[in-house]
């Protein structure tokens, strides 16, 4: 009994905070360093792209030629591999990219839908079913080892206790 109490006190109790989410301390919801850096300020909303407000701002999305144009090593004309497209070619590429985007969006939505399912012939349900089956198979084998009652005998006893089959045989 003393060893059990010592184990609980030394091992389990210090780790309880990792399993119980805190709703009062914002530092437990985000990284501690980030929280200390922010201080009492509220968390900022992500900045949005000015051209397309529904999308987040791209990091480093600016005019490179304007920034490095004065540098002697910065090439802006006769760039190797640079492709100049006319309006029709550009529109064709945009249309093709929009089709790809739509296809990938549909695939992503389908995968998210499949991942959200928990019953039926989906991977999450089959994984849980396999784990439960292995757990109860091991439990049945250990029970058979310790009590001498076979697994079909255990099932029969369970059905008798549940009242599915009668006690008289």
C-alpha atoms as a PDB file:
ATOM      1  CA  UNK A   1       0.000   0.000   0.000  1.00  0.00           C
ATOM      2  CA  UNK A   2       2.847   2.383   0.848  1.00  0.00           C
ATOM      3  CA  UNK A   3       4.481   1.727  -2.547  1.00  0.00           C
ATOM      4  CA  UNK A   4       1.217   2.471  -4.341  1.00  0.00           C
ATOM      5  CA  UNK A   5       0.776   5.758  -2.503  1.00  0.00           C
ATOM      6  CA  UNK A   6       4.403   6.697  -3.099  1.00  0.00           C
ATOM      7  CA  UNK A   7       4.038   5.890  -6.816  1.00  0.00           C
ATOM      8  CA  UNK A   8       0.865   7.961  -7.111  1.00  0.00           C
ATOM      9  CA  UNK A   9       2.384  10.866  -5.204  1.00  0.00           C
ATOM     10  CA  UNK A  10       5.724  10.912  -7.044  1.00  0.00           C
ATOM     11  CA  UNK A  11       4.732   9.923 -10.591  1.00  0.00           C
ATOM     12  CA  UNK A  12       1.031  10.453 -11.260  1.00  0.00           C
ATOM     13  CA  UNK A  13       0.256  13.659  -9.354  1.00  0.00           C
ATOM     14  CA  UNK A  14       3.010  15.796 -10.978  1.00  0.00           C
ATOM     15  CA  UNK A  15       1.807  14.778 -14.453  1.00  0.00           C
ATOM     16  CA  UNK A  16      -1.896  15.504 -13.903  1.00  0.00           C
ATOM     17  CA  UNK A  17      -1.572  19.047 -15.224  1.00  0.00           C
ATOM     18  CA  UNK A  18      -0.530  17.619 -18.596  1.00  0.00           C
ATOM     19  CA  UNK A  19      -3.819  15.722 -18.921  1.00  0.00           C
ATOM     20  CA  UNK A  20      -6.259  18.306 -17.592  1.00  0.00           C
ATOM     21  CA  UNK A  21      -6.635  21.403 -19.790  1.00  0.00           C
ATOM     22  CA  UNK A  22      -6.743  24.657 -17.897  1.00  0.00           C
ATOM     23  CA  UNK A  23      -9.380  27.180 -18.909  1.00  0.00           C
ATOM     24  CA  UNK A  24      -8.201  29.896 -16.566  1.00  0.00           C
ATOM     25  CA  UNK A  25      -4.542  30.182 -17.515  1.00  0.00           C
ATOM     26  CA  UNK A  26      -4.048  31.339 -21.117  1.00  0.00           C
ATOM     27  CA  UNK A  27      -0.405  30.271 -20.941  1.00  0.00           C
ATOM     28  CA  UNK A  28      -1.546  26.644 -20.871  1.00  0.00           C
ATOM     29  CA  UNK A  29      -3.321  27.093 -24.192  1.00  0.00           C
ATOM     30  CA  UNK A  30      -0.396  28.608 -26.069  1.00  0.00           C
ATOM     31  CA  UNK A  31       3.369  28.391 -25.741  1.00  0.00           C
ATOM     32  CA  UNK A  32       4.682  29.849 -22.513  1.00  0.00           C
ATOM     33  CA  UNK A  33       7.418  31.874 -24.213  1.00  0.00           C
ATOM     34  CA  UNK A  34       4.928  33.386 -26.613  1.00  0.00           C
ATOM     35  CA  UNK A  35       2.627  34.256 -23.732  1.00  0.00           C
ATOM     36  CA  UNK A  36       5.462  35.918 -21.820  1.00  0.00           C
ATOM     37  CA  UNK A  37       6.463  37.849 -24.935  1.00  0.00           C
ATOM     38  CA  UNK A  38       2.906  39.075 -25.456  1.00  0.00           C
ATOM     39  CA  UNK A  39       2.413  40.112 -21.837  1.00  0.00           C
ATOM     40  CA  UNK A  40      -1.103  41.360 -21.194  1.00  0.00           C
ATOM     41  CA  UNK A  41      -1.822  42.197 -24.843  1.00  0.00           C
ATOM     42  CA  UNK A  42      -4.545  40.253 -26.563  1.00  0.00           C
ATOM     43  CA  UNK A  43      -3.585  37.776 -29.262  1.00  0.00           C
ATOM     44  CA  UNK A  44      -3.516  39.495 -32.623  1.00  0.00           C
ATOM     45  CA  UNK A  45      -5.669  38.298 -35.485  1.00  0.00           C
ATOM     46  CA  UNK A  46      -3.679  37.056 -38.495  1.00  0.00           C
ATOM     47  CA  UNK A  47      -3.121  39.764 -41.078  1.00  0.00           C
ATOM     48  CA  UNK A  48      -5.049  39.264 -44.297  1.00  0.00           C
ATOM     49  CA  UNK A  49      -3.945  39.687 -47.903  1.00  0.00           C
ATOM     50  CA  UNK A  50      -5.013  43.168 -49.090  1.00  0.00           C
ATOM     51  CA  UNK A  51      -5.785  41.905 -52.608  1.00  0.00           C
ATOM     52  CA  UNK A  52      -7.859  38.915 -51.419  1.00  0.00           C
ATOM     53  CA  UNK A  53      -9.199  39.516 -47.883  1.00  0.00           C
ATOM     54  CA  UNK A  54     -10.370  35.899 -47.503  1.00  0.00           C
ATOM     55  CA  UNK A  55      -6.730  34.684 -47.645  1.00  0.00           C
ATOM     56  CA  UNK A  56      -3.973  35.245 -45.087  1.00  0.00           C
ATOM     57  CA  UNK A  57      -1.127  37.586 -45.888  1.00  0.00           C
ATOM     58  CA  UNK A  58       1.792  35.947 -47.652  1.00  0.00           C
ATOM     59  CA  UNK A  59       5.103  36.254 -45.885  1.00  0.00           C
ATOM     60  CA  UNK A  60       7.605  38.114 -48.048  1.00  0.00           C
ATOM     61  CA  UNK A  61       5.040  38.908 -50.759  1.00  0.00           C
ATOM     62  CA  UNK A  62       6.564  42.084 -52.166  1.00  0.00           C
ATOM     63  CA  UNK A  63       8.233  43.438 -55.284  1.00  0.00           C
ATOM     64  CA  UNK A  64      11.753  41.978 -55.346  1.00  0.00           C
ATOM     65  CA  UNK A  65      12.785  44.083 -58.335  1.00  0.00           C
ATOM     66  CA  UNK A  66      11.883  47.283 -56.497  1.00  0.00           C
ATOM     67  CA  UNK A  67      13.808  46.264 -53.404  1.00  0.00           C
ATOM     68  CA  UNK A  68      16.987  45.016 -55.101  1.00  0.00           C
ATOM     69  CA  UNK A  69      16.797  47.038 -58.342  1.00  0.00           C
ATOM     70  CA  UNK A  70      19.679  49.305 -57.300  1.00  0.00           C
ATOM     71  CA  UNK A  71      22.010  46.357 -56.666  1.00  0.00           C
ATOM     72  CA  UNK A  72      24.541  45.830 -59.471  1.00  0.00           C
ATOM     73  CA  UNK A  73      24.264  42.033 -59.172  1.00  0.00           C
ATOM     74  CA  UNK A  74      20.464  42.016 -59.454  1.00  0.00           C
ATOM     75  CA  UNK A  75      19.415  40.973 -62.970  1.00  0.00           C
ATOM     76  CA  UNK A  76      16.088  42.344 -64.200  1.00  0.00           C
ATOM     77  CA  UNK A  77      16.558  42.029 -67.959  1.00  0.00           C
ATOM     78  CA  UNK A  78      17.486  38.936 -69.985  1.00  0.00           C
ATOM     79  CA  UNK A  79      16.942  36.694 -66.968  1.00  0.00           C
ATOM     80  CA  UNK A  80      17.737  33.056 -67.873  1.00  0.00           C
ATOM     81  CA  UNK A  81      14.579  30.941 -67.818  1.00  0.00           C
ATOM     82  CA  UNK A  82      12.254  33.933 -67.621  1.00  0.00           C
ATOM     83  CA  UNK A  83       9.070  33.380 -69.631  1.00  0.00           C
ATOM     84  CA  UNK A  84       7.078  36.267 -71.014  1.00  0.00           C
ATOM     85  CA  UNK A  85       3.408  35.347 -71.462  1.00  0.00           C
ATOM     86  CA  UNK A  86       0.771  37.164 -73.417  1.00  0.00           C
ATOM     87  CA  UNK A  87      -2.782  37.636 -72.094  1.00  0.00           C
ATOM     88  CA  UNK A  88      -4.176  34.495 -73.756  1.00  0.00           C
ATOM     89  CA  UNK A  89      -1.438  32.177 -72.465  1.00  0.00           C
ATOM     90  CA  UNK A  90      -1.749  33.687 -68.988  1.00  0.00           C
ATOM     91  CA  UNK A  91      -5.544  33.230 -69.021  1.00  0.00           C
ATOM     92  CA  UNK A  92      -5.087  29.603 -70.136  1.00  0.00           C
ATOM     93  CA  UNK A  93      -2.697  28.949 -67.265  1.00  0.00           C
ATOM     94  CA  UNK A  94      -5.013  30.633 -64.765  1.00  0.00           C
ATOM     95  CA  UNK A  95      -7.943  28.516 -65.985  1.00  0.00           C
ATOM     96  CA  UNK A  96      -5.905  25.319 -65.717  1.00  0.00           C
ATOM     97  CA  UNK A  97      -4.700  26.250 -62.230  1.00  0.00           C
ATOM     98  CA  UNK A  98      -8.255  27.048 -61.134  1.00  0.00           C
ATOM     99  CA  UNK A  99      -9.375  23.591 -62.333  1.00  0.00           C
ATOM    100  CA  UNK A 100      -6.514  21.990 -60.403  1.00  0.00           C
ATOM    101  CA  UNK A 101      -7.377  24.028 -57.322  1.00  0.00           C
ATOM    102  CA  UNK A 102     -11.015  22.950 -57.522  1.00  0.00           C
ATOM    103  CA  UNK A 103     -10.036  19.290 -57.966  1.00  0.00           C
ATOM    104  CA  UNK A 104      -7.632  19.378 -55.028  1.00  0.00           C
ATOM    105  CA  UNK A 105     -10.178  21.231 -52.895  1.00  0.00           C
ATOM    106  CA  UNK A 106     -12.771  18.531 -53.582  1.00  0.00           C
ATOM    107  CA  UNK A 107     -10.234  15.803 -52.746  1.00  0.00           C
ATOM    108  CA  UNK A 108      -9.275  17.577 -49.521  1.00  0.00           C
ATOM    109  CA  UNK A 109     -12.919  18.000 -48.517  1.00  0.00           C
ATOM    110  CA  UNK A 110     -13.584  14.302 -49.255  1.00  0.00           C
ATOM    111  CA  UNK A 111     -10.577  13.246 -47.159  1.00  0.00           C
ATOM    112  CA  UNK A 112     -11.684  15.518 -44.298  1.00  0.00           C
ATOM    113  CA  UNK A 113     -15.180  14.013 -44.496  1.00  0.00           C
ATOM    114  CA  UNK A 114     -13.779  10.470 -44.463  1.00  0.00           C
ATOM    115  CA  UNK A 115     -11.516  11.325 -41.521  1.00  0.00           C
ATOM    116  CA  UNK A 116     -14.467  12.704 -39.567  1.00  0.00           C
ATOM    117  CA  UNK A 117     -16.435   9.435 -39.841  1.00  0.00           C
ATOM    118  CA  UNK A 118     -16.177   7.165 -36.834  1.00  0.00           C
ATOM    119  CA  UNK A 119     -18.530   4.327 -37.809  1.00  0.00           C
ATOM    120  CA  UNK A 120     -18.852   2.152 -40.897  1.00  0.00           C
ATOM    121  CA  UNK A 121     -16.060   0.797 -43.042  1.00  0.00           C
ATOM    122  CA  UNK A 122     -13.639   3.642 -42.426  1.00  0.00           C
ATOM    123  CA  UNK A 123     -10.076   3.420 -41.177  1.00  0.00           C
ATOM    124  CA  UNK A 124     -10.782   4.956 -37.746  1.00  0.00           C
ATOM    125  CA  UNK A 125     -13.597   2.515 -37.009  1.00  0.00           C
ATOM    126  CA  UNK A 126     -11.602  -0.478 -38.210  1.00  0.00           C
ATOM    127  CA  UNK A 127      -8.574   0.592 -36.186  1.00  0.00           C
ATOM    128  CA  UNK A 128     -10.663   0.953 -33.019  1.00  0.00           C
ATOM    129  CA  UNK A 129     -12.423  -2.361 -33.729  1.00  0.00           C
ATOM    130  CA  UNK A 130      -9.092  -4.159 -34.130  1.00  0.00           C
ATOM    131  CA  UNK A 131      -7.733  -2.680 -30.916  1.00  0.00           C
ATOM    132  CA  UNK A 132     -10.857  -3.661 -28.965  1.00  0.00           C
ATOM    133  CA  UNK A 133     -10.732  -7.172 -30.421  1.00  0.00           C
ATOM    134  CA  UNK A 134      -7.089  -7.660 -29.451  1.00  0.00           C
ATOM    135  CA  UNK A 135      -7.678  -6.260 -25.970  1.00  0.00           C
ATOM    136  CA  UNK A 136     -10.641  -8.524 -25.254  1.00  0.00           C
ATOM    137  CA  UNK A 137      -8.924 -11.550 -26.810  1.00  0.00           C
ATOM    138  CA  UNK A 138      -5.984 -11.069 -24.443  1.00  0.00           C
ATOM    139  CA  UNK A 139      -8.425 -10.493 -21.569  1.00  0.00           C
ATOM    140  CA  UNK A 140     -10.247 -13.734 -22.438  1.00  0.00           C
ATOM    141  CA  UNK A 141      -7.011 -15.698 -22.695  1.00  0.00           C
ATOM    142  CA  UNK A 142      -5.760 -14.363 -19.347  1.00  0.00           C
ATOM    143  CA  UNK A 143      -9.119 -15.146 -17.737  1.00  0.00           C
ATOM    144  CA  UNK A 144      -8.943 -18.666 -19.156  1.00  0.00           C
ATOM    145  CA  UNK A 145      -5.400 -19.047 -17.808  1.00  0.00           C
ATOM    146  CA  UNK A 146      -6.322 -17.845 -14.311  1.00  0.00           C
ATOM    147  CA  UNK A 147      -9.790 -19.450 -13.917  1.00  0.00           C
ATOM    148  CA  UNK A 148      -9.649 -22.451 -16.234  1.00  0.00           C
ATOM    149  CA  UNK A 149     -12.921 -21.423 -17.958  1.00  0.00           C
ATOM    150  CA  UNK A 150     -12.562 -21.493 -21.755  1.00  0.00           C
ATOM    151  CA  UNK A 151     -13.461 -18.476 -23.899  1.00  0.00           C
ATOM    152  CA  UNK A 152     -16.726 -20.116 -25.136  1.00  0.00           C
ATOM    153  CA  UNK A 153     -17.479 -20.926 -21.480  1.00  0.00           C
ATOM    154  CA  UNK A 154     -16.900 -17.276 -20.578  1.00  0.00           C
ATOM    155  CA  UNK A 155     -19.284 -16.170 -23.352  1.00  0.00           C
ATOM    156  CA  UNK A 156     -21.885 -18.671 -22.131  1.00  0.00           C
ATOM    157  CA  UNK A 157     -21.541 -17.409 -18.545  1.00  0.00           C
ATOM    158  CA  UNK A 158     -21.882 -13.811 -19.743  1.00  0.00           C
ATOM    159  CA  UNK A 159     -25.063 -14.671 -21.674  1.00  0.00           C
ATOM    160  CA  UNK A 160     -26.511 -16.497 -18.648  1.00  0.00           C
ATOM    161  CA  UNK A 161     -25.790 -13.542 -16.346  1.00  0.00           C
ATOM    162  CA  UNK A 162     -27.317 -11.120 -18.879  1.00  0.00           C
ATOM    163  CA  UNK A 163     -30.443 -13.301 -19.025  1.00  0.00           C
ATOM    164  CA  UNK A 164     -30.174 -14.060 -22.732  1.00  0.00           C
ATOM    165  CA  UNK A 165     -30.128 -17.796 -22.099  1.00  0.00           C
ATOM    166  CA  UNK A 166     -31.634 -19.609 -19.128  1.00  0.00           C
ATOM    167  CA  UNK A 167     -29.733 -20.856 -16.085  1.00  0.00           C
ATOM    168  CA  UNK A 168     -30.929 -24.425 -16.513  1.00  0.00           C
ATOM    169  CA  UNK A 169     -28.981 -25.055 -19.699  1.00  0.00           C
END
